Amino acid sequence: MQQDSSLSAFSAFLAENITKFQELKSEGTASSGRRARKLALCKGFWALSTEERQRLSKFAGDPSNKEGISTALGPIEDEKDENDTNLGVGIVLRTDYSDDAAWTKFCDALRKAEQESLGEEDVDMAENNADENDDSDSDSGSDSEDEEEQSLFILKADPALNLAGISNLIALRLFNDVDIVSAPKKPIDAPQSKMKISHPLMDKDGLVEAYTGNLLWIYDAKSNTDNSVRVVNQRCDTYGTATGDSWRARAPFLPGLQVNLFGGGMKITFTGLDGWDQDERKRNLEEGKLA
């Protein structure tokens, strides 16, 4: 999903703490990848005083500081992460392994829909024939890159990835990059009953966590029965929504949604038939609350 090009308060914070970011890498732990280190600094950002976060927001919003911040962030943006994938590709995460037949049926429906969407006779999925034994997570060779370029989706289905039952928020933190941006403002005509919630995923002192990167489509236990997946929202664009909110879409509709959501031609407002999943939001808010 396309994001605006303005710099965030978190960008300014990262630029000021580039040394700390590099020190975390030198520790060489399992959580020393680019995304994990950004998340570690994200916690440090939220630990700042409200006044300090406001200072960073003002600093990032000053056009005269844009070049300096962007230059400082260069090494971070250029660094590869183990879960990096071609940006225009949607990532389908299999998080339930109880019904292989249902998974295969879903993959067949998705492949057919993609063929129809692209108007091609033969579209190779990033994981051919939904073979869970093929490690589709390796981007080490040109063949893997070619497969991704030929498909709108890459499938992450290997049980060894430990994705079973993960929440939308955990998926975003594994496969997207965290940012902290301005939260949507409450509309003047919003009902008084719509109370403001202070939370990093909704609005905390005018700021909110957001995630950038590939769109995520989560295949879970419910997918086995209705052939649908969770469509994960990377940021809350509308007051009252939350980063990580999700709704469900069936396989035949995924190619069109992937193209339009990533291209910016469509936004999910979570009203009417697009209502967000309350249970998933509750889980996200619990996992995303500050200690």
C-alpha atoms as a PDB file:
ATOM      1  CA  MET A   1       0.000   0.000   0.000  1.00  0.00           C
ATOM      2  CA  GLN A   2       1.496   3.329  -0.959  1.00  0.00           C
ATOM      3  CA  GLN A   3       2.349   5.747   1.827  1.00  0.00           C
ATOM      4  CA  ASP A   4       2.998   9.477   1.758  1.00  0.00           C
ATOM      5  CA  SER A   5       6.589  10.629   1.388  1.00  0.00           C
ATOM      6  CA  SER A   6       6.683  12.930   4.436  1.00  0.00           C
ATOM      7  CA  LEU A   7       9.085  12.063   7.216  1.00  0.00           C
ATOM      8  CA  SER A   8       7.744  10.883  10.553  1.00  0.00           C
ATOM      9  CA  ALA A   9       8.740  11.605  14.136  1.00  0.00           C
ATOM     10  CA  PHE A  10      10.095   8.054  14.291  1.00  0.00           C
ATOM     11  CA  SER A  11      12.289   8.747  11.248  1.00  0.00           C
ATOM     12  CA  ALA A  12      13.864  11.631  13.143  1.00  0.00           C
ATOM     13  CA  PHE A  13      14.295   9.404  16.196  1.00  0.00           C
ATOM     14  CA  LEU A  14      15.993   6.694  14.118  1.00  0.00           C
ATOM     15  CA  ALA A  15      18.312   9.269  12.566  1.00  0.00           C
ATOM     16  CA  GLU A  16      19.313  10.529  16.004  1.00  0.00           C
ATOM     17  CA  ASN A  17      19.866   6.954  17.220  1.00  0.00           C
ATOM     18  CA  ILE A  18      21.641   5.453  14.202  1.00  0.00           C
ATOM     19  CA  THR A  19      24.571   4.440  16.430  1.00  0.00           C
ATOM     20  CA  LYS A  20      22.270   2.491  18.722  1.00  0.00           C
ATOM     21  CA  PHE A  21      20.681   0.846  15.693  1.00  0.00           C
ATOM     22  CA  GLN A  22      24.084  -0.360  14.488  1.00  0.00           C
ATOM     23  CA  GLU A  23      25.086  -1.507  17.989  1.00  0.00           C
ATOM     24  CA  LEU A  24      22.050  -3.788  18.105  1.00  0.00           C
ATOM     25  CA  LYS A  25      23.245  -5.407  14.894  1.00  0.00           C
ATOM     26  CA  SER A  26      26.710  -6.063  16.314  1.00  0.00           C
ATOM     27  CA  GLU A  27      25.143  -8.069  19.143  1.00  0.00           C
ATOM     28  CA  GLY A  28      24.466 -10.779  16.557  1.00  0.00           C
ATOM     29  CA  THR A  29      21.360 -12.213  18.207  1.00  0.00           C
ATOM     30  CA  ALA A  30      18.440 -13.895  16.453  1.00  0.00           C
ATOM     31  CA  SER A  31      16.555 -10.598  16.717  1.00  0.00           C
ATOM     32  CA  SER A  32      19.260  -8.426  15.159  1.00  0.00           C
ATOM     33  CA  GLY A  33      17.637  -8.053  11.715  1.00  0.00           C
ATOM     34  CA  ARG A  34      16.594  -4.651  10.373  1.00  0.00           C
ATOM     35  CA  ARG A  35      12.930  -5.010  11.314  1.00  0.00           C
ATOM     36  CA  ALA A  36      13.668  -6.347  14.802  1.00  0.00           C
ATOM     37  CA  ARG A  37      16.068  -3.502  15.562  1.00  0.00           C
ATOM     38  CA  LYS A  38      13.532  -0.933  14.377  1.00  0.00           C
ATOM     39  CA  LEU A  39      11.007  -2.495  16.743  1.00  0.00           C
ATOM     40  CA  ALA A  40      13.512  -2.282  19.594  1.00  0.00           C
ATOM     41  CA  LEU A  41      13.954   1.427  18.925  1.00  0.00           C
ATOM     42  CA  CYS A  42      10.187   1.804  18.559  1.00  0.00           C
ATOM     43  CA  LYS A  43       9.855   0.804  22.208  1.00  0.00           C
ATOM     44  CA  GLY A  44      12.423   3.450  23.076  1.00  0.00           C
ATOM     45  CA  PHE A  45      10.449   6.070  21.159  1.00  0.00           C
ATOM     46  CA  TRP A  46       7.247   5.327  23.077  1.00  0.00           C
ATOM     47  CA  ALA A  47       9.211   5.542  26.331  1.00  0.00           C
ATOM     48  CA  LEU A  48      10.029   9.191  25.610  1.00  0.00           C
ATOM     49  CA  SER A  49       8.097  11.997  27.237  1.00  0.00           C
ATOM     50  CA  THR A  50       5.214  13.540  25.313  1.00  0.00           C
ATOM     51  CA  GLU A  51       7.238  16.734  24.960  1.00  0.00           C
ATOM     52  CA  GLU A  52      10.185  14.886  23.413  1.00  0.00           C
ATOM     53  CA  ARG A  53       7.952  13.085  20.924  1.00  0.00           C
ATOM     54  CA  GLN A  54       6.400  16.424  19.987  1.00  0.00           C
ATOM     55  CA  ARG A  55       9.885  17.861  19.464  1.00  0.00           C
ATOM     56  CA  LEU A  56      10.734  15.023  17.088  1.00  0.00           C
ATOM     57  CA  SER A  57       7.467  15.503  15.185  1.00  0.00           C
ATOM     58  CA  LYS A  58       8.211  19.184  14.730  1.00  0.00           C
ATOM     59  CA  PHE A  59      11.806  18.462  13.700  1.00  0.00           C
ATOM     60  CA  ALA A  60      10.721  15.883  11.113  1.00  0.00           C
ATOM     61  CA  GLY A  61       8.095  18.262   9.730  1.00  0.00           C
ATOM     62  CA  ASP A  62      10.621  21.008   9.031  1.00  0.00           C
ATOM     63  CA  PRO A  63      11.518  20.776   5.298  1.00  0.00           C
ATOM     64  CA  SER A  64      15.031  22.039   6.023  1.00  0.00           C
ATOM     65  CA  ASN A  65      15.735  18.859   8.013  1.00  0.00           C
ATOM     66  CA  LYS A  66      14.515  16.404   5.372  1.00  0.00           C
ATOM     67  CA  GLU A  67      17.833  15.924   3.585  1.00  0.00           C
ATOM     68  CA  GLY A  68      19.796  15.392   6.802  1.00  0.00           C
ATOM     69  CA  ILE A  69      17.311  12.819   8.140  1.00  0.00           C
ATOM     70  CA  SER A  70      17.128  10.991   4.821  1.00  0.00           C
ATOM     71  CA  THR A  71      20.915  10.815   4.570  1.00  0.00           C
ATOM     72  CA  ALA A  72      21.207   9.443   8.107  1.00  0.00           C
ATOM     73  CA  LEU A  73      18.581   6.795   7.363  1.00  0.00           C
ATOM     74  CA  GLY A  74      20.296   5.685   4.148  1.00  0.00           C
ATOM     75  CA  PRO A  75      22.216   2.758   5.706  1.00  0.00           C
ATOM     76  CA  ILE A  76      19.023   1.476   7.366  1.00  0.00           C
ATOM     77  CA  GLU A  77      16.930   1.626   4.201  1.00  0.00           C
ATOM     78  CA  ASP A  78      19.660  -0.107   2.172  1.00  0.00           C
ATOM     79  CA  GLU A  79      20.058  -2.964   4.635  1.00  0.00           C
ATOM     80  CA  LYS A  80      18.499  -6.302   3.676  1.00  0.00           C
ATOM     81  CA  ASP A  81      16.278  -8.312   6.022  1.00  0.00           C
ATOM     82  CA  GLU A  82      15.601 -12.050   5.874  1.00  0.00           C
ATOM     83  CA  ASN A  83      11.897 -11.505   5.150  1.00  0.00           C
ATOM     84  CA  ASP A  84      12.352  -8.975   2.337  1.00  0.00           C
ATOM     85  CA  THR A  85      10.245  -9.675  -0.771  1.00  0.00           C
ATOM     86  CA  ASN A  86       9.597  -7.724  -3.970  1.00  0.00           C
ATOM     87  CA  LEU A  87       7.380  -4.872  -2.788  1.00  0.00           C
ATOM     88  CA  GLY A  88       4.514  -5.283  -5.253  1.00  0.00           C
ATOM     89  CA  VAL A  89       3.936  -8.898  -4.243  1.00  0.00           C
ATOM     90  CA  GLY A  90       1.301  -9.837  -1.662  1.00  0.00           C
ATOM     91  CA  ILE A  91       2.405 -12.324   0.996  1.00  0.00           C
ATOM     92  CA  VAL A  92      -0.028 -15.112   1.861  1.00  0.00           C
ATOM     93  CA  LEU A  93       0.798 -16.557   5.291  1.00  0.00           C
ATOM     94  CA  ARG A  94      -0.499 -20.016   6.132  1.00  0.00           C
ATOM     95  CA  THR A  95      -1.081 -20.031   9.895  1.00  0.00           C
ATOM     96  CA  ASP A  96      -3.226 -23.175  10.147  1.00  0.00           C
ATOM     97  CA  TYR A  97      -2.042 -26.633   9.076  1.00  0.00           C
ATOM     98  CA  SER A  98      -5.006 -28.800  10.050  1.00  0.00           C
ATOM     99  CA  ASP A  99      -6.495 -29.285   6.553  1.00  0.00           C
ATOM    100  CA  ASP A 100      -4.141 -29.743   3.599  1.00  0.00           C
ATOM    101  CA  ALA A 101      -7.020 -30.394   1.198  1.00  0.00           C
ATOM    102  CA  ALA A 102      -8.618 -27.044   2.070  1.00  0.00           C
ATOM    103  CA  TRP A 103      -5.275 -25.271   1.646  1.00  0.00           C
ATOM    104  CA  THR A 104      -4.791 -26.845  -1.779  1.00  0.00           C
ATOM    105  CA  LYS A 105      -8.328 -25.828  -2.777  1.00  0.00           C
ATOM    106  CA  PHE A 106      -7.595 -22.252  -1.702  1.00  0.00           C
ATOM    107  CA  CYS A 107      -4.332 -22.156  -3.667  1.00  0.00           C
ATOM    108  CA  ASP A 108      -6.071 -23.518  -6.769  1.00  0.00           C
ATOM    109  CA  ALA A 109      -8.790 -20.853  -6.490  1.00  0.00           C
ATOM    110  CA  LEU A 110      -6.189 -18.130  -6.004  1.00  0.00           C
ATOM    111  CA  ARG A 111      -4.153 -19.333  -8.976  1.00  0.00           C
ATOM    112  CA  LYS A 112      -7.238 -19.412 -11.191  1.00  0.00           C
ATOM    113  CA  ALA A 113      -8.286 -15.915 -10.094  1.00  0.00           C
ATOM    114  CA  GLU A 114      -4.817 -14.599 -10.783  1.00  0.00           C
ATOM    115  CA  GLN A 115      -4.755 -16.134 -14.244  1.00  0.00           C
ATOM    116  CA  GLU A 116      -8.077 -14.490 -15.018  1.00  0.00           C
ATOM    117  CA  SER A 117      -6.959 -11.185 -13.536  1.00  0.00           C
ATOM    118  CA  LEU A 118      -3.735 -11.045 -15.512  1.00  0.00           C
ATOM    119  CA  GLY A 119      -5.264 -12.533 -18.639  1.00  0.00           C
ATOM    120  CA  GLU A 120      -2.565 -15.188 -18.883  1.00  0.00           C
ATOM    121  CA  GLU A 121      -2.837 -18.893 -19.536  1.00  0.00           C
ATOM    122  CA  ASP A 122      -0.114 -19.932 -17.133  1.00  0.00           C
ATOM    123  CA  VAL A 123       0.816 -17.941 -14.027  1.00  0.00           C
ATOM    124  CA  ASP A 124       3.479 -19.487 -11.847  1.00  0.00           C
ATOM    125  CA  MET A 125       2.813 -19.097  -8.136  1.00  0.00           C
ATOM    126  CA  ALA A 126       5.849 -18.317  -5.979  1.00  0.00           C
ATOM    127  CA  GLU A 127       5.304 -21.688  -4.394  1.00  0.00           C
ATOM    128  CA  ASN A 128       4.518 -24.096  -7.240  1.00  0.00           C
ATOM    129  CA  ASN A 129       1.483 -26.313  -6.690  1.00  0.00           C
ATOM    130  CA  ALA A 130       1.301 -25.112  -3.062  1.00  0.00           C
ATOM    131  CA  ASP A 131       4.157 -27.443  -2.140  1.00  0.00           C
ATOM    132  CA  GLU A 132       4.772 -26.847   1.544  1.00  0.00           C
ATOM    133  CA  ASN A 133       8.030 -28.749   1.297  1.00  0.00           C
ATOM    134  CA  ASP A 134       9.507 -26.179  -1.079  1.00  0.00           C
ATOM    135  CA  ASP A 135      11.167 -23.358   0.863  1.00  0.00           C
ATOM    136  CA  SER A 136       9.580 -20.354  -0.834  1.00  0.00           C
ATOM    137  CA  ASP A 137      11.256 -17.992   1.627  1.00  0.00           C
ATOM    138  CA  SER A 138      14.640 -18.080  -0.079  1.00  0.00           C
ATOM    139  CA  ASP A 139      15.412 -15.107  -2.312  1.00  0.00           C
ATOM    140  CA  SER A 140      18.984 -16.218  -2.928  1.00  0.00           C
ATOM    141  CA  GLY A 141      18.670 -17.009  -6.642  1.00  0.00           C
ATOM    142  CA  SER A 142      17.350 -15.381  -9.777  1.00  0.00           C
ATOM    143  CA  ASP A 143      14.778 -18.163 -10.237  1.00  0.00           C
ATOM    144  CA  SER A 144      13.035 -17.147  -7.006  1.00  0.00           C
ATOM    145  CA  GLU A 145      13.027 -13.508  -8.055  1.00  0.00           C
ATOM    146  CA  ASP A 146      11.615 -14.400 -11.475  1.00  0.00           C
ATOM    147  CA  GLU A 147       8.786 -16.361  -9.860  1.00  0.00           C
ATOM    148  CA  GLU A 148       7.823 -13.399  -7.688  1.00  0.00           C
ATOM    149  CA  GLU A 149       7.857 -11.073 -10.697  1.00  0.00           C
ATOM    150  CA  GLN A 150       5.442 -13.395 -12.508  1.00  0.00           C
ATOM    151  CA  SER A 151       2.952 -13.564  -9.655  1.00  0.00           C
ATOM    152  CA  LEU A 152       0.931 -11.193  -7.534  1.00  0.00           C
ATOM    153  CA  PHE A 153       1.510 -13.410  -4.497  1.00  0.00           C
ATOM    154  CA  ILE A 154       4.149 -15.412  -2.714  1.00  0.00           C
ATOM    155  CA  LEU A 155       3.013 -18.168  -0.351  1.00  0.00           C
ATOM    156  CA  LYS A 156       4.626 -18.725   3.038  1.00  0.00           C
ATOM    157  CA  ALA A 157       3.389 -22.186   3.974  1.00  0.00           C
ATOM    158  CA  ASP A 158       6.294 -24.040   5.587  1.00  0.00           C
ATOM    159  CA  PRO A 159       5.389 -25.091   9.191  1.00  0.00           C
ATOM    160  CA  ALA A 160       9.035 -24.495  10.109  1.00  0.00           C
ATOM    161  CA  LEU A 161       8.365 -20.751   9.836  1.00  0.00           C
ATOM    162  CA  ASN A 162       6.446 -20.971  13.137  1.00  0.00           C
ATOM    163  CA  LEU A 163       3.532 -18.877  11.904  1.00  0.00           C
ATOM    164  CA  ALA A 164       0.812 -21.040  13.455  1.00  0.00           C
ATOM    165  CA  GLY A 165      -1.963 -18.915  14.949  1.00  0.00           C
ATOM    166  CA  ILE A 166      -0.078 -15.612  14.787  1.00  0.00           C
ATOM    167  CA  SER A 167      -1.935 -12.330  15.125  1.00  0.00           C
ATOM    168  CA  ASN A 168      -2.121  -9.588  12.521  1.00  0.00           C
ATOM    169  CA  LEU A 169       0.248  -7.454  14.579  1.00  0.00           C
ATOM    170  CA  ILE A 170       2.913 -10.153  14.847  1.00  0.00           C
ATOM    171  CA  ALA A 171       2.644 -10.764  11.093  1.00  0.00           C
ATOM    172  CA  LEU A 172       3.154  -7.057  10.407  1.00  0.00           C
ATOM    173  CA  ARG A 173       6.181  -6.941  12.679  1.00  0.00           C
ATOM    174  CA  LEU A 174       7.736  -9.965  10.958  1.00  0.00           C
ATOM    175  CA  PHE A 175       7.167  -8.941   7.340  1.00  0.00           C
ATOM    176  CA  ASN A 176       6.775  -5.130   7.404  1.00  0.00           C
ATOM    177  CA  ASP A 177       8.819  -2.228   8.774  1.00  0.00           C
ATOM    178  CA  VAL A 178       7.496  -0.262  11.730  1.00  0.00           C
ATOM    179  CA  ASP A 179       6.999   3.495  11.614  1.00  0.00           C
ATOM    180  CA  ILE A 180       5.245   5.977  13.898  1.00  0.00           C
ATOM    181  CA  VAL A 181       3.158   8.595  12.117  1.00  0.00           C
ATOM    182  CA  SER A 182       0.474  11.169  12.821  1.00  0.00           C
ATOM    183  CA  ALA A 183      -2.805   9.589  13.921  1.00  0.00           C
ATOM    184  CA  PRO A 184      -6.074  10.429  12.113  1.00  0.00           C
ATOM    185  CA  LYS A 185      -7.882  13.341  13.681  1.00  0.00           C
ATOM    186  CA  LYS A 186     -11.387  12.986  15.060  1.00  0.00           C
ATOM    187  CA  PRO A 187     -13.936  14.373  12.568  1.00  0.00           C
ATOM    188  CA  ILE A 188     -15.970  17.340  13.738  1.00  0.00           C
ATOM    189  CA  ASP A 189     -19.205  15.435  13.135  1.00  0.00           C
ATOM    190  CA  ALA A 190     -18.052  12.263  14.935  1.00  0.00           C
ATOM    191  CA  PRO A 191     -20.524  11.134  17.630  1.00  0.00           C
ATOM    192  CA  GLN A 192     -19.557  11.986  21.183  1.00  0.00           C
ATOM    193  CA  SER A 193     -19.935   8.332  22.102  1.00  0.00           C
ATOM    194  CA  LYS A 194     -16.902   7.554  19.945  1.00  0.00           C
ATOM    195  CA  MET A 195     -14.375   7.913  22.740  1.00  0.00           C
ATOM    196  CA  LYS A 196     -10.695   8.385  22.032  1.00  0.00           C
ATOM    197  CA  ILE A 197      -8.565   5.397  23.059  1.00  0.00           C
ATOM    198  CA  SER A 198      -4.956   6.028  24.046  1.00  0.00           C
ATOM    199  CA  HIS A 199      -3.038   3.181  22.441  1.00  0.00           C
ATOM    200  CA  PRO A 200      -0.007   2.978  20.111  1.00  0.00           C
ATOM    201  CA  LEU A 201      -2.110   1.196  17.471  1.00  0.00           C
ATOM    202  CA  MET A 202      -4.899   3.778  17.519  1.00  0.00           C
ATOM    203  CA  ASP A 203      -3.764   7.125  18.904  1.00  0.00           C
ATOM    204  CA  LYS A 204      -1.251   7.981  21.586  1.00  0.00           C
ATOM    205  CA  ASP A 205      -0.662  11.702  21.957  1.00  0.00           C
ATOM    206  CA  GLY A 206      -1.495  12.236  18.288  1.00  0.00           C
ATOM    207  CA  LEU A 207       0.802   9.484  17.007  1.00  0.00           C
ATOM    208  CA  VAL A 208       0.226   5.888  15.921  1.00  0.00           C
ATOM    209  CA  GLU A 209       2.271   2.870  14.871  1.00  0.00           C
ATOM    210  CA  ALA A 210       2.110   2.113  11.157  1.00  0.00           C
ATOM    211  CA  TYR A 211       3.737  -0.552   8.998  1.00  0.00           C
ATOM    212  CA  THR A 212       5.129  -0.349   5.490  1.00  0.00           C
ATOM    213  CA  GLY A 213       5.954  -3.119   3.051  1.00  0.00           C
ATOM    214  CA  ASN A 214       4.163  -5.999   1.375  1.00  0.00           C
ATOM    215  CA  LEU A 215       0.431  -6.455   1.852  1.00  0.00           C
ATOM    216  CA  LEU A 216      -0.325  -9.450   4.077  1.00  0.00           C
ATOM    217  CA  TRP A 217      -3.089 -12.036   3.584  1.00  0.00           C
ATOM    218  CA  ILE A 218      -3.482 -14.490   6.460  1.00  0.00           C
ATOM    219  CA  TYR A 219      -4.850 -17.995   5.953  1.00  0.00           C
ATOM    220  CA  ASP A 220      -6.189 -19.251   9.320  1.00  0.00           C
ATOM    221  CA  ALA A 221      -8.467 -21.949  10.716  1.00  0.00           C
ATOM    222  CA  LYS A 222     -11.578 -20.222   9.374  1.00  0.00           C
ATOM    223  CA  SER A 223     -10.048 -20.251   5.899  1.00  0.00           C
ATOM    224  CA  ASN A 224     -10.422 -24.033   5.836  1.00  0.00           C
ATOM    225  CA  THR A 225     -14.204 -23.686   5.729  1.00  0.00           C
ATOM    226  CA  ASP A 226     -14.891 -20.485   3.783  1.00  0.00           C
ATOM    227  CA  ASN A 227     -11.865 -20.177   1.448  1.00  0.00           C
ATOM    228  CA  SER A 228     -11.159 -16.676   2.735  1.00  0.00           C
ATOM    229  CA  VAL A 229      -8.175 -14.927   4.345  1.00  0.00           C
ATOM    230  CA  ARG A 230      -7.669 -12.011   6.689  1.00  0.00           C
ATOM    231  CA  VAL A 231      -6.787  -8.786   4.863  1.00  0.00           C
ATOM    232  CA  VAL A 232      -4.473  -6.873   7.198  1.00  0.00           C
ATOM    233  CA  ASN A 233      -4.544  -3.082   7.471  1.00  0.00           C
ATOM    234  CA  GLN A 234      -1.024  -1.627   7.742  1.00  0.00           C
ATOM    235  CA  ARG A 235      -2.088   1.642   9.330  1.00  0.00           C
ATOM    236  CA  CYS A 236      -5.242   3.331  10.558  1.00  0.00           C
ATOM    237  CA  ASP A 237      -6.220   5.946   7.996  1.00  0.00           C
ATOM    238  CA  THR A 238      -9.621   6.670   9.509  1.00  0.00           C
ATOM    239  CA  TYR A 239     -10.461   7.820  13.036  1.00  0.00           C
ATOM    240  CA  GLY A 240     -11.697   4.923  15.157  1.00  0.00           C
ATOM    241  CA  THR A 241      -9.761   2.238  13.284  1.00  0.00           C
ATOM    242  CA  ALA A 242      -6.540   0.597  14.453  1.00  0.00           C
ATOM    243  CA  THR A 243      -3.336  -0.486  12.807  1.00  0.00           C
ATOM    244  CA  GLY A 244      -3.572  -4.243  12.287  1.00  0.00           C
ATOM    245  CA  ASP A 245      -7.346  -4.293  11.840  1.00  0.00           C
ATOM    246  CA  SER A 246      -8.517  -6.919   9.389  1.00  0.00           C
ATOM    247  CA  TRP A 247     -11.507  -8.096   7.409  1.00  0.00           C
ATOM    248  CA  ARG A 248     -11.994 -11.189   5.284  1.00  0.00           C
ATOM    249  CA  ALA A 249     -11.894 -11.723   1.538  1.00  0.00           C
ATOM    250  CA  ARG A 250     -12.308 -14.900  -0.505  1.00  0.00           C
ATOM    251  CA  ALA A 251      -9.642 -16.203  -2.883  1.00  0.00           C
ATOM    252  CA  PRO A 252     -11.303 -15.096  -6.165  1.00  0.00           C
ATOM    253  CA  PHE A 253     -11.198 -11.445  -5.069  1.00  0.00           C
ATOM    254  CA  LEU A 254      -7.589 -11.311  -3.858  1.00  0.00           C
ATOM    255  CA  PRO A 255      -5.824 -10.391  -7.124  1.00  0.00           C
ATOM    256  CA  GLY A 256      -8.015  -7.332  -7.671  1.00  0.00           C
ATOM    257  CA  LEU A 257      -7.615  -6.272  -4.062  1.00  0.00           C
ATOM    258  CA  GLN A 258      -3.842  -6.749  -4.188  1.00  0.00           C
ATOM    259  CA  VAL A 259      -3.515  -4.530  -7.260  1.00  0.00           C
ATOM    260  CA  ASN A 260      -5.854  -1.795  -6.030  1.00  0.00           C
ATOM    261  CA  LEU A 261      -4.768  -1.681  -2.396  1.00  0.00           C
ATOM    262  CA  PHE A 262      -1.067  -1.662  -3.232  1.00  0.00           C
ATOM    263  CA  GLY A 263      -1.532   0.873  -5.999  1.00  0.00           C
ATOM    264  CA  GLY A 264      -3.417   3.239  -3.721  1.00  0.00           C
ATOM    265  CA  GLY A 265      -6.614   3.113  -5.757  1.00  0.00           C
ATOM    266  CA  MET A 266      -8.575   1.641  -2.856  1.00  0.00           C
ATOM    267  CA  LYS A 267      -8.732   2.183   0.886  1.00  0.00           C
ATOM    268  CA  ILE A 268     -10.545   0.097   3.456  1.00  0.00           C
ATOM    269  CA  THR A 269     -12.600   2.280   5.798  1.00  0.00           C
ATOM    270  CA  PHE A 270     -14.042  -0.583   7.865  1.00  0.00           C
ATOM    271  CA  THR A 271     -17.631   0.547   7.497  1.00  0.00           C
ATOM    272  CA  GLY A 272     -20.577  -1.474   6.286  1.00  0.00           C
ATOM    273  CA  LEU A 273     -19.580  -4.793   4.731  1.00  0.00           C
ATOM    274  CA  ASP A 274     -15.897  -4.022   5.317  1.00  0.00           C
ATOM    275  CA  GLY A 275     -16.323  -4.077   9.113  1.00  0.00           C
ATOM    276  CA  TRP A 276     -13.176  -5.015  10.999  1.00  0.00           C
ATOM    277  CA  ASP A 277     -12.861  -8.222  13.005  1.00  0.00           C
ATOM    278  CA  GLN A 278     -13.392  -7.309  16.653  1.00  0.00           C
ATOM    279  CA  ASP A 279     -11.650 -10.412  18.012  1.00  0.00           C
ATOM    280  CA  GLU A 280      -8.538  -9.740  15.948  1.00  0.00           C
ATOM    281  CA  ARG A 281      -8.462  -6.098  17.052  1.00  0.00           C
ATOM    282  CA  LYS A 282      -8.740  -7.149  20.682  1.00  0.00           C
ATOM    283  CA  ARG A 283      -5.804  -9.512  20.238  1.00  0.00           C
ATOM    284  CA  ASN A 284      -3.724  -6.827  18.505  1.00  0.00           C
ATOM    285  CA  LEU A 285      -4.413  -4.218  21.175  1.00  0.00           C
ATOM    286  CA  GLU A 286      -3.442  -6.664  23.914  1.00  0.00           C
ATOM    287  CA  GLU A 287      -0.183  -7.623  22.187  1.00  0.00           C
ATOM    288  CA  GLY A 288       0.606  -4.037  21.206  1.00  0.00           C
ATOM    289  CA  LYS A 289       0.038  -2.294  24.518  1.00  0.00           C
ATOM    290  CA  LEU A 290       3.014  -0.657  26.175  1.00  0.00           C
ATOM    291  CA  ALA A 291       4.539  -2.325  29.222  1.00  0.00           C
END
